[in-house]
Amino acid sequence: MEIKSAVFETSATNPQKMMGSGKMEIAFVGRSNVGKSSLINMLTKKNKLCKTSSTPGRTRLINYFLINDNIYFVDLPGYGYAKASKSEVEGWQGMIEPYLVENENLKCVCMLVDSRIEPTAQDKQMLKFLNYYQIPFIIIATKCDKFGKSQVKPQMQKIANFLGVGKDNVFPSSSDTGYGRLDILNKMDQFLEERGSDF
């Protein structure tokens, strides 16, 4: 897969507004501060496409990025931010769940976990949610540049074991170095080809 163009299109609080676009979508989910925005920038090779912040919980909208004029990368609000109020958490859930369950344009979900720590209870809950609704997904372990090369595979195995998936379902990545970019894009391509995309 080759990304030739990538532009920010819109932010939305109501996913229903974009579901009628007819364009296929790949969504990015994960806990706050896991590196969703940085990963999107890395995959598109545009460092300023998606705004990043060192403060967790800043992404509170559903952000749409048009890729190659015919598909969306969709950055969903992060979950698991401890300082979020109850109303904020309920608001985020109110956006994320309908988007994932009711969206016919959604072709796969990239679920991000921090490679440096054990997946959280929210990560396991999200994976259970995706499995329950039979939503295709890719697990992406971020920040793998923090490990030596010989440590990456064992760490991916630990994450896979904790989440109850095969090691080949966990893709290592680093937004700082670009590590894992082609493998992730190729996996996305497989999902899109299975569903008739001309990506």
N, C-alpha and C. Protein backbone atom coordinates (compact mmCIF):
# COMPACT_ATOMS: atom_id res chain seq x y z
N MET A 1 0.84 -1.19 0.00
CA MET A 1 0.00 0.00 0.00
C MET A 1 0.88 1.25 0.00
N GLU A 2 0.54 2.18 -0.84
CA GLU A 2 1.28 3.44 -0.91
C GLU A 2 0.34 4.60 -0.62
N ILE A 3 0.68 5.39 0.39
CA ILE A 3 -0.12 6.57 0.70
C ILE A 3 0.44 7.75 -0.09
N LYS A 4 -0.34 8.22 -1.03
CA LYS A 4 0.10 9.30 -1.91
C LYS A 4 -0.38 10.67 -1.42
N SER A 5 -1.48 10.69 -0.69
CA SER A 5 -1.98 11.96 -0.17
C SER A 5 -2.71 11.72 1.13
N ALA A 6 -2.64 12.70 2.02
CA ALA A 6 -3.31 12.61 3.32
C ALA A 6 -3.61 14.02 3.80
N VAL A 7 -4.88 14.30 4.06
CA VAL A 7 -5.27 15.63 4.52
C VAL A 7 -6.31 15.51 5.63
N PHE A 8 -6.25 16.44 6.58
CA PHE A 8 -7.30 16.50 7.60
C PHE A 8 -8.57 16.99 6.94
N GLU A 9 -9.70 16.30 7.22
CA GLU A 9 -10.96 16.72 6.62
C GLU A 9 -11.90 17.39 7.61
N THR A 10 -12.16 16.72 8.75
CA THR A 10 -13.11 17.32 9.69
C THR A 10 -13.00 16.65 11.05
N SER A 11 -13.55 17.34 12.06
CA SER A 11 -13.74 16.77 13.39
C SER A 11 -15.23 16.71 13.66
N ALA A 12 -15.67 15.67 14.33
CA ALA A 12 -17.10 15.50 14.54
C ALA A 12 -17.37 14.98 15.95
N THR A 13 -18.50 15.38 16.51
CA THR A 13 -18.96 14.80 17.77
C THR A 13 -20.01 13.73 17.50
N ASN A 14 -20.57 13.75 16.30
CA ASN A 14 -21.60 12.79 15.92
C ASN A 14 -21.15 12.01 14.69
N PRO A 15 -20.79 10.73 14.86
CA PRO A 15 -20.29 9.96 13.73
C PRO A 15 -21.33 9.75 12.64
N GLN A 16 -22.61 9.89 12.97
CA GLN A 16 -23.66 9.70 11.97
C GLN A 16 -23.50 10.66 10.79
N LYS A 17 -22.91 11.83 11.06
CA LYS A 17 -22.76 12.83 10.01
C LYS A 17 -21.83 12.36 8.89
N MET A 18 -20.88 11.48 9.25
CA MET A 18 -19.91 11.03 8.26
C MET A 18 -20.21 9.64 7.71
N MET A 19 -21.11 8.91 8.32
CA MET A 19 -21.37 7.54 7.91
C MET A 19 -21.99 7.45 6.52
N GLY A 20 -22.55 8.55 6.06
CA GLY A 20 -23.16 8.54 4.73
C GLY A 20 -22.19 8.88 3.61
N SER A 21 -20.92 9.01 3.93
CA SER A 21 -19.95 9.42 2.91
C SER A 21 -19.71 8.34 1.87
N GLY A 22 -19.89 7.08 2.26
CA GLY A 22 -19.62 5.98 1.34
C GLY A 22 -18.17 5.57 1.26
N LYS A 23 -17.28 6.35 1.88
CA LYS A 23 -15.85 6.03 1.88
C LYS A 23 -15.53 5.05 3.00
N MET A 24 -14.67 4.08 2.69
CA MET A 24 -14.29 3.11 3.71
C MET A 24 -13.38 3.76 4.75
N GLU A 25 -13.41 3.19 5.97
CA GLU A 25 -12.72 3.80 7.09
C GLU A 25 -11.88 2.79 7.85
N ILE A 26 -10.72 3.26 8.32
CA ILE A 26 -9.88 2.52 9.25
C ILE A 26 -9.78 3.37 10.50
N ALA A 27 -10.20 2.81 11.64
CA ALA A 27 -10.24 3.59 12.88
C ALA A 27 -9.06 3.23 13.77
N PHE A 28 -8.67 4.20 14.59
CA PHE A 28 -7.57 4.05 15.54
C PHE A 28 -8.11 4.26 16.95
N VAL A 29 -7.97 3.24 17.80
CA VAL A 29 -8.44 3.34 19.18
C VAL A 29 -7.30 2.97 20.13
N GLY A 30 -7.44 3.41 21.36
CA GLY A 30 -6.43 3.11 22.37
C GLY A 30 -6.59 4.04 23.54
N ARG A 31 -5.88 3.72 24.61
CA ARG A 31 -5.99 4.56 25.79
C ARG A 31 -5.35 5.92 25.52
N SER A 32 -5.70 6.89 26.32
CA SER A 32 -5.14 8.23 26.18
C SER A 32 -3.62 8.18 26.28
N ASN A 33 -2.96 8.91 25.41
CA ASN A 33 -1.50 9.06 25.41
C ASN A 33 -0.76 7.80 24.93
N VAL A 34 -1.47 6.91 24.22
CA VAL A 34 -0.81 5.71 23.70
C VAL A 34 -0.07 5.99 22.39
N GLY A 35 -0.41 7.11 21.74
CA GLY A 35 0.32 7.50 20.53
C GLY A 35 -0.46 7.34 19.24
N LYS A 36 -1.79 7.49 19.29
CA LYS A 36 -2.60 7.36 18.07
C LYS A 36 -2.25 8.43 17.04
N SER A 37 -2.19 9.67 17.49
CA SER A 37 -1.90 10.76 16.57
C SER A 37 -0.52 10.61 15.95
N SER A 38 0.45 10.24 16.77
CA SER A 38 1.82 10.06 16.27
C SER A 38 1.89 8.92 15.25
N LEU A 39 1.13 7.86 15.50
CA LEU A 39 1.13 6.74 14.56
C LEU A 39 0.54 7.15 13.22
N ILE A 40 -0.56 7.89 13.24
CA ILE A 40 -1.16 8.35 11.98
C ILE A 40 -0.17 9.22 11.22
N ASN A 41 0.53 10.10 11.93
CA ASN A 41 1.54 10.93 11.28
C ASN A 41 2.64 10.08 10.67
N MET A 42 3.06 9.04 11.38
CA MET A 42 4.12 8.17 10.88
C MET A 42 3.67 7.40 9.63
N LEU A 43 2.46 6.85 9.68
CA LEU A 43 1.97 6.07 8.55
C LEU A 43 1.82 6.91 7.30
N THR A 44 1.42 8.17 7.46
CA THR A 44 1.21 9.05 6.31
C THR A 44 2.46 9.84 5.94
N LYS A 45 3.50 9.74 6.77
CA LYS A 45 4.73 10.51 6.59
C LYS A 45 4.47 12.01 6.58
N LYS A 46 3.53 12.44 7.42
CA LYS A 46 3.23 13.87 7.58
C LYS A 46 3.24 14.18 9.08
N ASN A 47 4.33 14.77 9.53
CA ASN A 47 4.52 14.96 10.96
C ASN A 47 3.52 15.88 11.62
N LYS A 48 2.90 16.76 10.84
CA LYS A 48 1.97 17.73 11.42
C LYS A 48 0.53 17.49 11.00
N LEU A 49 0.26 16.33 10.39
CA LEU A 49 -1.11 16.04 9.94
C LEU A 49 -2.06 15.95 11.12
N CYS A 50 -1.67 15.19 12.11
CA CYS A 50 -2.51 14.92 13.27
C CYS A 50 -1.87 15.57 14.49
N LYS A 51 -2.57 16.44 15.17
CA LYS A 51 -2.01 17.15 16.31
C LYS A 51 -1.72 16.17 17.44
N THR A 52 -0.53 16.31 18.03
CA THR A 52 -0.15 15.46 19.15
C THR A 52 -0.05 16.31 20.41
N SER A 53 -0.21 15.66 21.55
CA SER A 53 -0.12 16.37 22.83
C SER A 53 0.49 15.45 23.87
N SER A 54 1.28 16.04 24.76
CA SER A 54 1.85 15.26 25.87
C SER A 54 0.85 15.10 27.01
N THR A 55 -0.28 15.82 26.91
CA THR A 55 -1.31 15.75 27.94
C THR A 55 -2.38 14.75 27.55
N PRO A 56 -2.60 13.68 28.33
CA PRO A 56 -3.61 12.69 27.99
C PRO A 56 -5.00 13.29 27.95
N GLY A 57 -5.87 12.68 27.13
CA GLY A 57 -7.27 13.06 27.14
C GLY A 57 -7.61 14.26 26.29
N ARG A 58 -6.68 14.73 25.47
CA ARG A 58 -6.94 15.94 24.69
C ARG A 58 -7.85 15.67 23.48
N THR A 59 -7.78 14.45 22.91
CA THR A 59 -8.61 14.15 21.74
C THR A 59 -10.02 13.82 22.21
N ARG A 60 -10.94 14.74 22.01
CA ARG A 60 -12.31 14.54 22.48
C ARG A 60 -13.30 14.59 21.33
N LEU A 61 -12.78 14.59 20.12
CA LEU A 61 -13.60 14.57 18.93
C LEU A 61 -13.19 13.38 18.08
N ILE A 62 -14.04 13.02 17.13
CA ILE A 62 -13.68 12.02 16.13
C ILE A 62 -13.08 12.76 14.95
N ASN A 63 -11.81 12.52 14.69
CA ASN A 63 -11.08 13.26 13.66
C ASN A 63 -10.89 12.41 12.41
N TYR A 64 -11.25 12.98 11.26
CA TYR A 64 -11.21 12.27 9.98
C TYR A 64 -10.09 12.80 9.10
N PHE A 65 -9.28 11.87 8.57
CA PHE A 65 -8.19 12.21 7.66
C PHE A 65 -8.40 11.47 6.36
N LEU A 66 -8.49 12.22 5.26
CA LEU A 66 -8.75 11.62 3.96
C LEU A 66 -7.45 11.13 3.34
N ILE A 67 -7.40 9.84 3.04
CA ILE A 67 -6.20 9.19 2.52
C ILE A 67 -6.43 8.81 1.06
N ASN A 68 -5.53 9.26 0.19
CA ASN A 68 -5.61 8.93 -1.24
C ASN A 68 -6.97 9.25 -1.85
N ASP A 69 -7.66 10.21 -1.28
CA ASP A 69 -8.95 10.70 -1.78
C ASP A 69 -10.08 9.69 -1.73
N ASN A 70 -9.85 8.51 -1.12
CA ASN A 70 -10.94 7.52 -1.17
C ASN A 70 -11.14 6.70 0.09
N ILE A 71 -10.42 7.03 1.16
CA ILE A 71 -10.60 6.29 2.42
C ILE A 71 -10.26 7.22 3.58
N TYR A 72 -10.86 6.94 4.73
CA TYR A 72 -10.58 7.76 5.92
C TYR A 72 -9.77 6.97 6.94
N PHE A 73 -8.75 7.62 7.51
CA PHE A 73 -8.19 7.22 8.78
C PHE A 73 -8.97 8.01 9.83
N VAL A 74 -9.47 7.33 10.84
CA VAL A 74 -10.33 7.99 11.83
C VAL A 74 -9.71 7.84 13.22
N ASP A 75 -9.36 8.96 13.83
CA ASP A 75 -8.76 9.00 15.16
C ASP A 75 -9.86 9.18 16.19
N LEU A 76 -10.10 8.14 16.98
CA LEU A 76 -11.16 8.17 17.98
C LEU A 76 -10.63 8.67 19.33
N PRO A 77 -11.49 9.24 20.15
CA PRO A 77 -11.06 9.70 21.48
C PRO A 77 -10.45 8.57 22.30
N GLY A 78 -9.40 8.90 23.05
CA GLY A 78 -8.74 7.90 23.88
C GLY A 78 -9.60 7.51 25.08
N TYR A 79 -9.40 6.28 25.52
CA TYR A 79 -10.13 5.81 26.70
C TYR A 79 -9.16 5.61 27.87
N GLY A 80 -9.71 5.49 29.06
CA GLY A 80 -8.90 5.15 30.23
C GLY A 80 -8.14 6.31 30.86
N TYR A 81 -8.55 7.55 30.57
CA TYR A 81 -7.87 8.70 31.18
C TYR A 81 -8.40 8.90 32.60
N ALA A 82 -7.54 8.70 33.60
CA ALA A 82 -7.97 8.66 35.00
C ALA A 82 -8.60 9.96 35.47
N LYS A 83 -8.16 11.10 34.92
CA LYS A 83 -8.65 12.39 35.41
C LYS A 83 -9.93 12.85 34.70
N ALA A 84 -10.42 12.04 33.79
CA ALA A 84 -11.65 12.42 33.10
C ALA A 84 -12.84 12.31 34.05
N SER A 85 -13.77 13.24 33.91
CA SER A 85 -14.97 13.19 34.73
C SER A 85 -15.89 12.09 34.22
N LYS A 86 -16.84 11.72 35.04
CA LYS A 86 -17.80 10.67 34.65
C LYS A 86 -18.57 11.08 33.41
N SER A 87 -18.97 12.34 33.34
CA SER A 87 -19.73 12.80 32.17
C SER A 87 -18.87 12.78 30.90
N GLU A 88 -17.56 13.08 31.04
CA GLU A 88 -16.67 13.03 29.89
C GLU A 88 -16.51 11.60 29.40
N VAL A 89 -16.34 10.67 30.34
CA VAL A 89 -16.19 9.26 29.96
C VAL A 89 -17.45 8.77 29.25
N GLU A 90 -18.61 9.10 29.79
CA GLU A 90 -19.86 8.69 29.17
C GLU A 90 -20.03 9.32 27.80
N GLY A 91 -19.56 10.57 27.67
CA GLY A 91 -19.65 11.25 26.37
C GLY A 91 -18.77 10.58 25.32
N TRP A 92 -17.56 10.20 25.72
CA TRP A 92 -16.66 9.52 24.78
C TRP A 92 -17.23 8.17 24.38
N GLN A 93 -17.76 7.43 25.36
CA GLN A 93 -18.36 6.13 25.04
C GLN A 93 -19.55 6.30 24.12
N GLY A 94 -20.28 7.38 24.33
CA GLY A 94 -21.44 7.64 23.49
C GLY A 94 -21.08 7.92 22.04
N MET A 95 -19.84 8.38 21.82
CA MET A 95 -19.37 8.58 20.45
C MET A 95 -18.76 7.32 19.88
N ILE A 96 -17.91 6.65 20.68
CA ILE A 96 -17.13 5.53 20.17
C ILE A 96 -17.98 4.31 19.85
N GLU A 97 -18.86 3.93 20.78
CA GLU A 97 -19.61 2.68 20.60
C GLU A 97 -20.52 2.72 19.37
N PRO A 98 -21.34 3.76 19.17
CA PRO A 98 -22.15 3.79 17.95
C PRO A 98 -21.30 3.81 16.67
N TYR A 99 -20.17 4.51 16.74
CA TYR A 99 -19.29 4.56 15.58
C TYR A 99 -18.83 3.15 15.20
N LEU A 100 -18.39 2.37 16.17
CA LEU A 100 -17.85 1.05 15.91
C LEU A 100 -18.92 0.05 15.51
N VAL A 101 -20.08 0.11 16.15
CA VAL A 101 -21.11 -0.91 15.96
C VAL A 101 -21.99 -0.65 14.75
N GLU A 102 -22.30 0.61 14.50
CA GLU A 102 -23.30 0.94 13.48
C GLU A 102 -22.70 1.39 12.15
N ASN A 103 -21.40 1.38 12.04
CA ASN A 103 -20.73 1.99 10.89
C ASN A 103 -20.41 0.97 9.80
N GLU A 104 -21.17 0.96 8.74
CA GLU A 104 -20.94 0.03 7.64
C GLU A 104 -19.68 0.36 6.85
N ASN A 105 -19.18 1.58 6.98
CA ASN A 105 -17.96 1.98 6.26
C ASN A 105 -16.69 1.47 6.93
N LEU A 106 -16.80 1.07 8.19
CA LEU A 106 -15.63 0.66 8.96
C LEU A 106 -15.13 -0.70 8.49
N LYS A 107 -13.87 -0.77 8.08
CA LYS A 107 -13.30 -2.00 7.55
C LYS A 107 -12.33 -2.67 8.52
N CYS A 108 -11.67 -1.91 9.37
CA CYS A 108 -10.87 -2.51 10.43
C CYS A 108 -10.54 -1.45 11.47
N VAL A 109 -10.20 -1.94 12.65
CA VAL A 109 -9.82 -1.07 13.76
C VAL A 109 -8.38 -1.36 14.14
N CYS A 110 -7.59 -0.32 14.25
CA CYS A 110 -6.23 -0.43 14.77
C CYS A 110 -6.29 -0.15 16.26
N MET A 111 -6.10 -1.17 17.06
CA MET A 111 -6.13 -1.02 18.51
C MET A 111 -4.70 -0.89 19.02
N LEU A 112 -4.38 0.26 19.58
CA LEU A 112 -3.02 0.55 20.01
C LEU A 112 -2.83 0.23 21.48
N VAL A 113 -1.69 -0.38 21.80
CA VAL A 113 -1.29 -0.61 23.18
C VAL A 113 0.15 -0.13 23.33
N ASP A 114 0.49 0.29 24.52
CA ASP A 114 1.85 0.76 24.82
C ASP A 114 2.74 -0.45 25.05
N SER A 115 3.76 -0.62 24.23
CA SER A 115 4.62 -1.80 24.31
C SER A 115 5.40 -1.87 25.61
N ARG A 116 5.54 -0.75 26.31
CA ARG A 116 6.39 -0.70 27.51
C ARG A 116 5.69 -1.20 28.76
N ILE A 117 4.37 -1.30 28.70
CA ILE A 117 3.62 -1.69 29.90
C ILE A 117 2.64 -2.80 29.56
N GLU A 118 2.15 -3.45 30.58
CA GLU A 118 1.15 -4.50 30.40
C GLU A 118 -0.15 -3.87 29.91
N PRO A 119 -0.81 -4.48 28.91
CA PRO A 119 -2.11 -3.93 28.48
C PRO A 119 -3.05 -3.74 29.66
N THR A 120 -3.81 -2.69 29.60
CA THR A 120 -4.68 -2.33 30.71
C THR A 120 -6.01 -3.09 30.66
N ALA A 121 -6.78 -2.96 31.73
CA ALA A 121 -8.11 -3.56 31.77
C ALA A 121 -8.98 -2.98 30.66
N GLN A 122 -8.80 -1.68 30.36
CA GLN A 122 -9.57 -1.06 29.29
C GLN A 122 -9.18 -1.64 27.92
N ASP A 123 -7.89 -1.98 27.77
CA ASP A 123 -7.45 -2.61 26.52
C ASP A 123 -8.14 -3.96 26.34
N LYS A 124 -8.17 -4.74 27.41
CA LYS A 124 -8.81 -6.05 27.33
C LYS A 124 -10.31 -5.91 27.07
N GLN A 125 -10.91 -4.89 27.66
CA GLN A 125 -12.33 -4.65 27.44
C GLN A 125 -12.60 -4.27 25.99
N MET A 126 -11.73 -3.43 25.43
CA MET A 126 -11.90 -3.02 24.04
C MET A 126 -11.76 -4.23 23.11
N LEU A 127 -10.78 -5.08 23.37
CA LEU A 127 -10.58 -6.26 22.54
C LEU A 127 -11.80 -7.19 22.63
N LYS A 128 -12.33 -7.35 23.82
CA LYS A 128 -13.54 -8.16 24.00
C LYS A 128 -14.70 -7.57 23.22
N PHE A 129 -14.81 -6.26 23.23
CA PHE A 129 -15.85 -5.54 22.50
C PHE A 129 -15.73 -5.81 21.00
N LEU A 130 -14.51 -5.68 20.47
CA LEU A 130 -14.29 -5.89 19.04
C LEU A 130 -14.60 -7.33 18.64
N ASN A 131 -14.20 -8.27 19.48
CA ASN A 131 -14.49 -9.68 19.19
C ASN A 131 -15.99 -9.97 19.25
N TYR A 132 -16.65 -9.39 20.23
CA TYR A 132 -18.09 -9.64 20.40
C TYR A 132 -18.87 -9.18 19.17
N TYR A 133 -18.50 -8.00 18.63
CA TYR A 133 -19.20 -7.47 17.46
C TYR A 133 -18.55 -7.89 16.14
N GLN A 134 -17.56 -8.78 16.24
CA GLN A 134 -16.88 -9.31 15.05
C GLN A 134 -16.35 -8.20 14.15
N ILE A 135 -15.70 -7.23 14.78
CA ILE A 135 -15.09 -6.12 14.05
C ILE A 135 -13.63 -6.47 13.79
N PRO A 136 -13.20 -6.51 12.53
CA PRO A 136 -11.79 -6.84 12.23
C PRO A 136 -10.85 -5.84 12.90
N PHE A 137 -9.71 -6.33 13.41
CA PHE A 137 -8.81 -5.43 14.11
C PHE A 137 -7.36 -5.81 13.89
N ILE A 138 -6.49 -4.82 14.12
CA ILE A 138 -5.05 -4.99 14.15
C ILE A 138 -4.57 -4.46 15.49
N ILE A 139 -3.79 -5.23 16.21
CA ILE A 139 -3.21 -4.74 17.46
C ILE A 139 -1.83 -4.17 17.16
N ILE A 140 -1.62 -2.91 17.49
CA ILE A 140 -0.35 -2.23 17.21
C ILE A 140 0.29 -1.82 18.53
N ALA A 141 1.49 -2.33 18.78
CA ALA A 141 2.24 -1.98 19.99
C ALA A 141 3.13 -0.79 19.68
N THR A 142 2.89 0.32 20.33
CA THR A 142 3.63 1.56 20.05
C THR A 142 4.89 1.66 20.90
N LYS A 143 5.76 2.59 20.50
CA LYS A 143 6.95 2.99 21.28
C LYS A 143 7.97 1.86 21.42
N CYS A 144 8.08 1.02 20.37
CA CYS A 144 8.99 -0.12 20.43
C CYS A 144 10.46 0.28 20.27
N ASP A 145 10.72 1.55 19.97
CA ASP A 145 12.11 2.01 19.89
C ASP A 145 12.76 2.03 21.27
N LYS A 146 11.96 1.88 22.31
CA LYS A 146 12.49 1.86 23.67
C LYS A 146 13.16 0.54 24.01
N PHE A 147 13.03 -0.45 23.12
CA PHE A 147 13.63 -1.76 23.34
C PHE A 147 14.78 -2.00 22.37
N GLY A 148 15.70 -2.86 22.76
CA GLY A 148 16.70 -3.35 21.82
C GLY A 148 16.04 -4.30 20.84
N LYS A 149 16.67 -4.50 19.68
CA LYS A 149 16.07 -5.34 18.64
C LYS A 149 15.75 -6.74 19.14
N SER A 150 16.61 -7.29 19.97
CA SER A 150 16.40 -8.66 20.46
C SER A 150 15.26 -8.74 21.47
N GLN A 151 14.83 -7.60 21.98
CA GLN A 151 13.78 -7.58 23.00
C GLN A 151 12.38 -7.44 22.42
N VAL A 152 12.30 -7.00 21.16
CA VAL A 152 10.99 -6.68 20.59
C VAL A 152 10.10 -7.91 20.49
N LYS A 153 10.59 -8.99 19.88
CA LYS A 153 9.75 -10.18 19.70
C LYS A 153 9.27 -10.77 21.02
N PRO A 154 10.15 -10.93 22.01
CA PRO A 154 9.66 -11.42 23.31
C PRO A 154 8.59 -10.52 23.93
N GLN A 155 8.75 -9.20 23.74
CA GLN A 155 7.77 -8.28 24.31
C GLN A 155 6.43 -8.40 23.58
N MET A 156 6.47 -8.61 22.25
CA MET A 156 5.22 -8.80 21.50
C MET A 156 4.53 -10.08 21.95
N GLN A 157 5.32 -11.11 22.27
CA GLN A 157 4.75 -12.36 22.75
C GLN A 157 4.06 -12.16 24.09
N LYS A 158 4.68 -11.37 24.97
CA LYS A 158 4.07 -11.08 26.27
C LYS A 158 2.73 -10.37 26.10
N ILE A 159 2.70 -9.39 25.21
CA ILE A 159 1.45 -8.65 24.97
C ILE A 159 0.39 -9.58 24.39
N ALA A 160 0.80 -10.42 23.43
CA ALA A 160 -0.15 -11.36 22.82
C ALA A 160 -0.70 -12.33 23.86
N ASN A 161 0.17 -12.84 24.72
CA ASN A 161 -0.27 -13.76 25.76
C ASN A 161 -1.28 -13.10 26.70
N PHE A 162 -0.99 -11.87 27.08
CA PHE A 162 -1.87 -11.17 28.01
C PHE A 162 -3.24 -10.92 27.40
N LEU A 163 -3.26 -10.60 26.10
CA LEU A 163 -4.52 -10.30 25.42
C LEU A 163 -5.22 -11.55 24.89
N GLY A 164 -4.51 -12.68 24.91
CA GLY A 164 -5.12 -13.91 24.44
C GLY A 164 -5.23 -14.01 22.93
N VAL A 165 -4.22 -13.47 22.22
CA VAL A 165 -4.19 -13.55 20.76
C VAL A 165 -2.86 -14.15 20.33
N GLY A 166 -2.75 -14.52 19.06
CA GLY A 166 -1.49 -15.02 18.53
C GLY A 166 -0.47 -13.90 18.37
N LYS A 167 0.81 -14.24 18.46
CA LYS A 167 1.87 -13.22 18.36
C LYS A 167 1.82 -12.48 17.03
N ASP A 168 1.40 -13.17 15.97
CA ASP A 168 1.35 -12.54 14.64
C ASP A 168 0.25 -11.49 14.54
N ASN A 169 -0.62 -11.44 15.54
CA ASN A 169 -1.68 -10.42 15.56
C ASN A 169 -1.22 -9.12 16.19
N VAL A 170 -0.01 -9.10 16.74
CA VAL A 170 0.52 -7.90 17.39
C VAL A 170 1.65 -7.33 16.54
N PHE A 171 1.49 -6.09 16.09
CA PHE A 171 2.47 -5.46 15.20
C PHE A 171 3.28 -4.41 15.97
N PRO A 172 4.59 -4.60 16.07
CA PRO A 172 5.43 -3.60 16.74
C PRO A 172 5.57 -2.35 15.89
N SER A 173 5.70 -1.20 16.55
CA SER A 173 5.86 0.05 15.79
C SER A 173 6.61 1.08 16.61
N SER A 174 7.14 2.07 15.91
CA SER A 174 7.73 3.24 16.55
C SER A 174 7.45 4.45 15.67
N SER A 175 6.75 5.42 16.22
CA SER A 175 6.47 6.64 15.46
C SER A 175 7.72 7.49 15.29
N ASP A 176 8.69 7.32 16.18
CA ASP A 176 9.93 8.10 16.09
C ASP A 176 10.84 7.61 14.96
N THR A 177 10.88 6.30 14.75
CA THR A 177 11.81 5.73 13.76
C THR A 177 11.12 5.24 12.50
N GLY A 178 9.81 5.11 12.53
CA GLY A 178 9.09 4.56 11.39
C GLY A 178 9.05 3.04 11.38
N TYR A 179 9.56 2.43 12.43
CA TYR A 179 9.59 0.97 12.52
C TYR A 179 8.17 0.39 12.47
N GLY A 180 7.99 -0.61 11.62
CA GLY A 180 6.71 -1.29 11.50
C GLY A 180 5.75 -0.70 10.50
N ARG A 181 6.12 0.43 9.89
CA ARG A 181 5.19 1.13 9.01
C ARG A 181 4.68 0.26 7.87
N LEU A 182 5.58 -0.36 7.13
CA LEU A 182 5.17 -1.14 5.95
C LEU A 182 4.35 -2.36 6.34
N ASP A 183 4.73 -3.02 7.44
CA ASP A 183 3.98 -4.19 7.88
C ASP A 183 2.54 -3.81 8.23
N ILE A 184 2.37 -2.68 8.90
CA ILE A 184 1.02 -2.23 9.28
C ILE A 184 0.21 -1.86 8.05
N LEU A 185 0.80 -1.13 7.12
CA LEU A 185 0.09 -0.74 5.91
C LEU A 185 -0.29 -1.96 5.08
N ASN A 186 0.60 -2.93 5.01
CA ASN A 186 0.30 -4.15 4.25
C ASN A 186 -0.85 -4.93 4.88
N LYS A 187 -0.89 -4.95 6.22
CA LYS A 187 -1.99 -5.63 6.90
C LYS A 187 -3.31 -4.90 6.65
N MET A 188 -3.28 -3.58 6.69
CA MET A 188 -4.47 -2.80 6.35
C MET A 188 -4.94 -3.14 4.95
N ASP A 189 -3.99 -3.24 4.04
CA ASP A 189 -4.30 -3.54 2.64
C ASP A 189 -5.04 -4.86 2.52
N GLN A 190 -4.66 -5.85 3.31
CA GLN A 190 -5.33 -7.14 3.27
C GLN A 190 -6.80 -7.01 3.64
N PHE A 191 -7.09 -6.26 4.69
CA PHE A 191 -8.47 -6.07 5.10
C PHE A 191 -9.27 -5.34 4.02
N LEU A 192 -8.65 -4.34 3.41
CA LEU A 192 -9.35 -3.56 2.40
C LEU A 192 -9.59 -4.37 1.13
N GLU A 193 -8.62 -5.17 0.74
CA GLU A 193 -8.78 -6.00 -0.45
C GLU A 193 -9.88 -7.06 -0.25
N GLU A 194 -9.94 -7.60 0.95
CA GLU A 194 -10.98 -8.58 1.26
C GLU A 194 -12.37 -7.98 1.14
N ARG A 195 -12.45 -6.66 1.27
CA ARG A 195 -13.75 -5.99 1.25
C ARG A 195 -13.95 -5.12 0.01
N GLY A 196 -13.17 -5.43 -1.03
CA GLY A 196 -13.42 -4.81 -2.32
C GLY A 196 -12.91 -3.40 -2.48
N SER A 197 -11.89 -3.01 -1.71
CA SER A 197 -11.36 -1.66 -1.84
C SER A 197 -10.43 -1.53 -3.03
N ASP A 198 -10.35 -0.34 -3.56
CA ASP A 198 -9.38 -0.01 -4.61
C ASP A 198 -8.37 0.98 -4.04
N PHE A 199 -7.88 0.66 -2.83
CA PHE A 199 -7.00 1.57 -2.09
C PHE A 199 -5.70 1.80 -2.84
